[in-house]
Amino acid sequence: MGILRQRDHIGCADFDSRQRFAFSATHDMPRLADAVANNVIVGRQLAAAGVFKTGLPFTVNASAPFGAGSDFNADGDTYDVTNALPFGNHIKGASRADFQRGLFKASDLPLRPSGTEGGLDRNTFDHPGYAPWTFNS
C-alpha cells in the first residue's frame, strides 16, 4: 500500500456508516384521579433516546514481519493488504462475538508472492451495526 499508488487508497471513508436512524421522545405523565398516585406521577416525564446504525468499514491487513509470512513486499512496513479473500468482499452471518475473537484466521488470508502489493481495496468490509439506547423517567 504505497503512498504514491493512489489506487491503493480508494475506498469508503473511515467514518462511512450507510444507514443511521436516531430518535428521541418524551412523554409528560398525565394527571390521575387518585390523589396519592397523582402526587407521585405529576410533573414527571418518560424519555427515550437512541441511535441505530450500520457498522463502520475496515481494511483487512497482514501485520506479521517479512520472515513470518507477511510484509509481502519486504519494505519493513508490516501494514500490507492481502489479495481478495476467497469468500469475497462481504461477511455474512458473523456475530459480534466473532469480531471480538478475531474474524479471520491467518489461513484465510491468501499468500502473495514476495515483492508484490495486495489487491484488496481499502475499507472493504464492515463491522456489525450497533444500537445504543436509553430510557429514563
Protein backbone atom coordinates (compact mmCIF):
# COMPACT_ATOMS: atom_id res chain seq x y z
CA MET A 1 0.00 0.00 0.00
CA GLY A 2 2.44 2.58 -1.24
CA ILE A 3 1.89 6.28 -0.63
CA LEU A 4 2.45 7.05 -4.30
CA ARG A 5 -0.02 4.43 -5.53
CA GLN A 6 -3.32 6.33 -5.30
CA ARG A 7 -5.32 3.27 -6.37
CA ASP A 8 -4.41 1.68 -3.02
CA HIS A 9 -6.18 4.44 -1.12
CA ILE A 10 -9.55 4.39 -2.90
CA GLY A 11 -12.41 3.14 -0.73
CA CYS A 12 -15.05 4.13 1.76
CA ALA A 13 -14.21 6.77 4.35
CA ASP A 14 -13.32 5.50 7.83
CA PHE A 15 -16.49 7.13 9.22
CA ASP A 16 -18.84 5.84 6.48
CA SER A 17 -22.00 4.39 8.02
CA ARG A 18 -24.55 3.57 5.32
CA GLN A 19 -27.73 3.68 7.37
CA ARG A 20 -28.44 5.63 10.53
CA PHE A 21 -31.64 6.22 12.45
CA ALA A 22 -31.65 8.43 15.54
CA PHE A 23 -34.65 9.05 17.76
CA SER A 24 -35.67 10.80 20.93
CA ALA A 25 -39.06 11.01 22.59
CA THR A 26 -40.56 12.47 25.76
CA HIS A 27 -43.94 12.00 27.36
CA ASP A 28 -45.42 14.14 30.14
CA MET A 29 -47.25 11.97 32.66
CA PRO A 30 -50.99 12.83 32.87
CA ARG A 31 -52.98 13.84 35.96
CA LEU A 32 -54.74 10.98 37.68
CA ALA A 33 -57.91 10.88 39.75
CA ASP A 34 -56.13 9.15 42.65
CA ALA A 35 -54.51 11.84 44.85
CA VAL A 36 -51.68 9.58 46.09
CA ALA A 37 -50.74 8.40 42.58
CA ASN A 38 -51.14 11.97 41.32
CA ASN A 39 -48.51 13.20 43.83
CA VAL A 40 -46.05 10.56 42.62
CA ILE A 41 -46.63 10.97 38.88
CA VAL A 42 -47.49 14.62 38.19
CA GLY A 43 -44.54 16.62 36.91
CA ARG A 44 -42.64 13.54 35.75
CA GLN A 45 -41.65 12.67 32.22
CA LEU A 46 -40.71 9.49 30.44
CA ALA A 47 -37.88 9.87 27.93
CA ALA A 48 -36.12 7.59 25.46
CA ALA A 49 -33.29 8.21 23.01
CA GLY A 50 -31.23 6.01 20.77
CA VAL A 51 -29.27 5.53 17.59
CA PHE A 52 -29.39 2.53 15.26
CA LYS A 53 -26.63 2.45 12.67
CA THR A 54 -24.70 0.13 10.43
CA GLY A 55 -21.09 -0.65 11.24
CA LEU A 56 -18.04 1.27 10.13
CA PRO A 57 -15.77 -0.07 7.38
CA PHE A 58 -12.37 -1.66 8.00
CA THR A 59 -9.41 -2.90 5.99
CA VAL A 60 -8.03 -6.42 6.30
CA ASN A 61 -4.25 -6.39 6.51
CA ALA A 62 -1.43 -8.76 7.33
CA SER A 63 0.82 -7.42 10.09
CA ALA A 64 3.48 -10.08 10.66
CA PRO A 65 7.10 -9.32 9.75
CA PHE A 66 8.61 -10.44 6.43
CA GLY A 67 10.06 -13.76 7.63
CA ALA A 68 6.80 -14.74 9.36
CA GLY A 69 4.74 -14.86 6.19
CA SER A 70 3.65 -11.24 5.86
CA ASP A 71 5.20 -7.91 4.77
CA PHE A 72 4.88 -9.28 1.28
CA ASN A 73 6.80 -6.52 -0.45
CA ALA A 74 9.65 -6.71 2.13
CA ASP A 75 9.72 -2.95 2.71
CA GLY A 76 9.84 -3.23 6.52
CA ASP A 77 6.32 -1.81 6.89
CA THR A 78 4.10 -4.54 8.35
CA TYR A 79 0.83 -2.95 7.16
CA ASP A 80 0.34 -4.89 3.94
CA VAL A 81 -3.06 -5.59 2.45
CA THR A 82 -3.75 -9.05 1.11
CA ASN A 83 -5.24 -10.13 -2.16
CA ALA A 84 -9.00 -10.58 -2.35
CA LEU A 85 -10.21 -13.15 0.15
CA PRO A 86 -11.54 -16.49 -1.18
CA PHE A 87 -15.06 -15.88 0.18
CA GLY A 88 -15.44 -12.44 -1.38
CA ASN A 89 -15.67 -8.91 -0.01
CA HIS A 90 -18.65 -9.30 2.29
CA ILE A 91 -19.06 -11.16 5.55
CA LYS A 92 -22.46 -12.71 6.11
CA GLY A 93 -23.70 -14.18 9.37
CA ALA A 94 -20.82 -13.02 11.57
CA SER A 95 -21.79 -12.25 15.16
CA ARG A 96 -20.31 -9.63 17.47
CA ALA A 97 -18.51 -12.45 19.29
CA ASP A 98 -16.84 -13.45 16.00
CA PHE A 99 -15.46 -9.92 15.67
CA GLN A 100 -14.24 -9.92 19.28
CA ARG A 101 -12.48 -13.29 18.91
CA GLY A 102 -10.91 -12.31 15.61
CA LEU A 103 -12.87 -12.63 12.42
CA PHE A 104 -10.13 -14.04 10.20
CA LYS A 105 -7.56 -16.76 10.75
CA ALA A 106 -4.13 -16.46 9.15
CA SER A 107 -5.10 -19.29 6.81
CA ASP A 108 -8.00 -17.15 5.47
CA LEU A 109 -5.54 -14.63 4.03
CA PRO A 110 -4.21 -15.70 0.63
CA LEU A 111 -0.42 -15.68 0.39
CA ARG A 112 1.13 -13.49 -2.27
CA PRO A 113 4.49 -13.78 -3.95
CA SER A 114 7.23 -11.77 -2.21
CA GLY A 115 7.78 -8.30 -3.61
CA THR A 116 4.17 -7.76 -4.70
CA GLU A 117 1.42 -5.45 -3.48
CA GLY A 118 -2.01 -6.76 -2.44
CA GLY A 119 -5.15 -6.20 -4.46
CA LEU A 120 -7.74 -5.85 -1.69
CA ASP A 121 -9.24 -2.35 -1.62
CA ARG A 122 -9.25 -0.06 1.39
CA ASN A 123 -12.18 -0.38 3.86
CA THR A 124 -13.74 -3.29 2.01
CA PHE A 125 -15.50 -4.90 4.98
CA ASP A 126 -17.99 -3.53 7.54
CA HIS A 127 -18.16 -4.02 11.30
CA PRO A 128 -21.53 -5.11 12.67
CA GLY A 129 -24.02 -2.34 13.38
CA TYR A 130 -24.93 -1.19 16.86
CA ALA A 131 -27.93 0.23 18.62
CA PRO A 132 -27.28 2.07 21.90
CA TRP A 133 -30.41 3.49 23.51
CA THR A 134 -31.58 4.72 26.90
CA PHE A 135 -34.88 5.03 28.75
CA ASN A 136 -35.35 7.49 31.64
CA SER A 137 -38.17 8.52 33.91
